[in-house]
Each structure stands twice: as structure tokens, then as C-alpha cells.
């Protein structure tokens, strides 16, 4: 999930592509696992980090 979080912060790859690149073949399972670890969805994680990088 660390790799997924880095990809979400530093690339514009779609969540589905991030999901596949970290070994998940099911996007829903990836989103659930990500949310269990970080407490928010991958999209919200990306949005939050994009906002903090722009400030």
C-alpha cells in the first residue's frame, strides 16, 4: 500500500492502473484494503495530497 500511496500522490495514473500495478486484480478489493489502512478512499487520498502540494 505504500507503493500505491506514492503512485497516487506522484502520478496521474487512474486508480484502476494503480490497483493493477500493486498486484490487485479487483479494484473493489484494492479500494477496501486501501481504506482499511489509510482511512480514506484512494481518490480522496489523492485529492487531499494534491491540495496540500498546491499550497
N, C-alpha and C. Protein backbone atom coordinates (compact mmCIF):
# COMPACT_ATOMS: atom_id res chain seq x y z
N UNK A 1 0.81 -1.20 0.00
CA UNK A 1 0.00 0.00 0.00
C UNK A 1 0.86 1.26 0.00
N UNK A 2 2.08 1.17 0.54
CA UNK A 2 2.96 2.34 0.48
C UNK A 2 3.21 2.73 -0.98
N UNK A 3 3.48 1.71 -1.82
CA UNK A 3 3.71 1.99 -3.24
C UNK A 3 2.47 2.62 -3.87
N UNK A 4 1.30 2.10 -3.53
CA UNK A 4 0.05 2.65 -4.07
C UNK A 4 -0.11 4.11 -3.64
N UNK A 5 0.18 4.41 -2.39
CA UNK A 5 0.03 5.79 -1.92
C UNK A 5 1.00 6.71 -2.65
N UNK A 6 2.21 6.24 -2.91
CA UNK A 6 3.19 7.06 -3.64
C UNK A 6 2.72 7.29 -5.09
N UNK A 7 2.19 6.27 -5.72
CA UNK A 7 1.69 6.42 -7.08
C UNK A 7 0.52 7.39 -7.13
N UNK A 8 -0.34 7.33 -6.14
CA UNK A 8 -1.48 8.24 -6.11
C UNK A 8 -1.03 9.68 -5.91
N UNK A 9 -0.01 9.88 -5.08
CA UNK A 9 0.49 11.23 -4.82
C UNK A 9 1.28 11.80 -5.99
N UNK A 10 2.07 10.96 -6.65
CA UNK A 10 3.08 11.46 -7.57
C UNK A 10 2.81 11.22 -9.05
N UNK A 11 1.71 10.55 -9.37
CA UNK A 11 1.38 10.31 -10.78
C UNK A 11 -0.07 10.66 -11.02
N UNK A 12 -0.45 10.66 -12.27
CA UNK A 12 -1.85 10.86 -12.64
C UNK A 12 -2.48 9.55 -13.11
N UNK A 13 -1.85 8.42 -12.76
CA UNK A 13 -2.39 7.11 -13.14
C UNK A 13 -3.80 6.95 -12.57
N UNK A 14 -4.71 6.41 -13.35
CA UNK A 14 -6.04 6.12 -12.81
C UNK A 14 -5.95 5.12 -11.66
N UNK A 15 -6.91 5.16 -10.77
CA UNK A 15 -6.91 4.25 -9.62
C UNK A 15 -6.85 2.80 -10.09
N UNK A 16 -7.54 2.48 -11.17
CA UNK A 16 -7.53 1.10 -11.69
C UNK A 16 -6.11 0.67 -12.08
N UNK A 17 -5.35 1.59 -12.64
CA UNK A 17 -3.98 1.29 -13.04
C UNK A 17 -3.08 1.13 -11.81
N UNK A 18 -3.28 1.98 -10.82
CA UNK A 18 -2.52 1.86 -9.57
C UNK A 18 -2.83 0.51 -8.93
N UNK A 19 -4.08 0.18 -8.91
CA UNK A 19 -4.54 -1.10 -8.36
C UNK A 19 -3.80 -2.27 -9.00
N UNK A 20 -3.78 -2.31 -10.32
CA UNK A 20 -3.11 -3.39 -11.04
C UNK A 20 -1.60 -3.38 -10.81
N UNK A 21 -1.02 -2.20 -10.71
CA UNK A 21 0.44 -2.12 -10.57
C UNK A 21 0.93 -2.58 -9.21
N UNK A 22 0.05 -2.62 -8.22
CA UNK A 22 0.45 -3.12 -6.90
C UNK A 22 -0.07 -4.53 -6.64
N UNK A 23 -0.58 -5.17 -7.67
CA UNK A 23 -0.90 -6.59 -7.58
C UNK A 23 -2.34 -6.96 -7.31
N UNK A 24 -3.24 -6.01 -7.33
CA UNK A 24 -4.66 -6.33 -7.14
C UNK A 24 -5.31 -6.53 -8.50
N UNK A 25 -6.08 -7.60 -8.63
CA UNK A 25 -6.80 -7.82 -9.88
C UNK A 25 -8.26 -7.36 -9.77
N UNK A 26 -8.66 -6.95 -8.58
CA UNK A 26 -10.02 -6.49 -8.35
C UNK A 26 -9.96 -5.10 -7.71
N UNK A 27 -10.47 -4.11 -8.41
CA UNK A 27 -10.38 -2.73 -7.95
C UNK A 27 -11.14 -2.52 -6.64
N UNK A 28 -12.28 -3.16 -6.48
CA UNK A 28 -13.06 -3.02 -5.25
C UNK A 28 -12.28 -3.53 -4.04
N UNK A 29 -11.60 -4.67 -4.20
CA UNK A 29 -10.78 -5.20 -3.10
C UNK A 29 -9.64 -4.25 -2.77
N UNK A 30 -9.03 -3.66 -3.79
CA UNK A 30 -7.96 -2.70 -3.58
C UNK A 30 -8.48 -1.49 -2.79
N UNK A 31 -9.61 -0.95 -3.21
CA UNK A 31 -10.17 0.24 -2.54
C UNK A 31 -10.49 -0.08 -1.08
N UNK A 32 -11.06 -1.24 -0.83
CA UNK A 32 -11.37 -1.64 0.56
C UNK A 32 -10.09 -1.77 1.39
N UNK A 33 -9.08 -2.42 0.84
CA UNK A 33 -7.82 -2.60 1.57
C UNK A 33 -7.15 -1.25 1.82
N UNK A 34 -7.15 -0.38 0.83
CA UNK A 34 -6.56 0.95 0.97
C UNK A 34 -7.28 1.73 2.06
N UNK A 35 -8.60 1.68 2.04
CA UNK A 35 -9.39 2.40 3.03
C UNK A 35 -9.15 1.85 4.44
N UNK A 36 -8.97 0.55 4.56
CA UNK A 36 -8.68 -0.05 5.88
C UNK A 36 -7.36 0.46 6.44
N UNK A 37 -6.39 0.70 5.59
CA UNK A 37 -5.07 1.14 6.04
C UNK A 37 -5.02 2.65 6.26
N UNK A 38 -5.51 3.42 5.30
CA UNK A 38 -5.37 4.88 5.33
C UNK A 38 -6.61 5.61 5.85
N UNK A 39 -7.73 4.91 5.95
CA UNK A 39 -8.93 5.53 6.49
C UNK A 39 -9.74 6.33 5.49
N UNK A 40 -9.27 6.43 4.25
CA UNK A 40 -10.00 7.14 3.18
C UNK A 40 -9.80 6.39 1.88
N UNK A 41 -10.63 6.70 0.91
CA UNK A 41 -10.53 6.04 -0.40
C UNK A 41 -9.29 6.53 -1.14
N UNK A 42 -8.81 5.75 -2.11
CA UNK A 42 -7.66 6.20 -2.91
C UNK A 42 -7.91 7.55 -3.59
N UNK A 43 -9.11 7.78 -4.09
CA UNK A 43 -9.41 9.05 -4.75
C UNK A 43 -9.32 10.21 -3.76
N UNK A 44 -9.91 10.04 -2.58
CA UNK A 44 -9.83 11.10 -1.58
C UNK A 44 -8.39 11.31 -1.11
N UNK A 45 -7.64 10.23 -0.99
CA UNK A 45 -6.22 10.34 -0.61
C UNK A 45 -5.48 11.19 -1.63
N UNK A 46 -5.70 10.90 -2.90
CA UNK A 46 -5.04 11.67 -3.97
C UNK A 46 -5.47 13.14 -3.92
N UNK A 47 -6.77 13.37 -3.78
CA UNK A 47 -7.28 14.74 -3.73
C UNK A 47 -6.69 15.51 -2.55
N UNK A 48 -6.62 14.87 -1.39
CA UNK A 48 -6.06 15.53 -0.20
C UNK A 48 -4.59 15.87 -0.39
N UNK A 49 -3.84 14.98 -0.99
CA UNK A 49 -2.41 15.24 -1.18
C UNK A 49 -2.16 16.23 -2.31
N UNK A 50 -3.02 16.25 -3.29
CA UNK A 50 -2.89 17.23 -4.37
C UNK A 50 -3.11 18.63 -3.81
N UNK A 51 -4.10 18.78 -2.93
CA UNK A 51 -4.39 20.08 -2.33
C UNK A 51 -3.23 20.55 -1.47
N UNK A 52 -2.64 19.64 -0.69
CA UNK A 52 -1.54 20.05 0.17
C UNK A 52 -0.28 20.37 -0.62
N UNK A 53 -0.10 19.76 -1.77
CA UNK A 53 1.07 20.06 -2.61
C UNK A 53 0.92 21.41 -3.30
N UNK A 54 -0.32 21.84 -3.56
CA UNK A 54 -0.54 23.11 -4.24
C UNK A 54 -0.43 24.29 -3.30
N UNK A 55 -0.52 24.06 -1.99
CA UNK A 55 -0.45 25.16 -1.02
C UNK A 55 0.97 25.44 -0.59
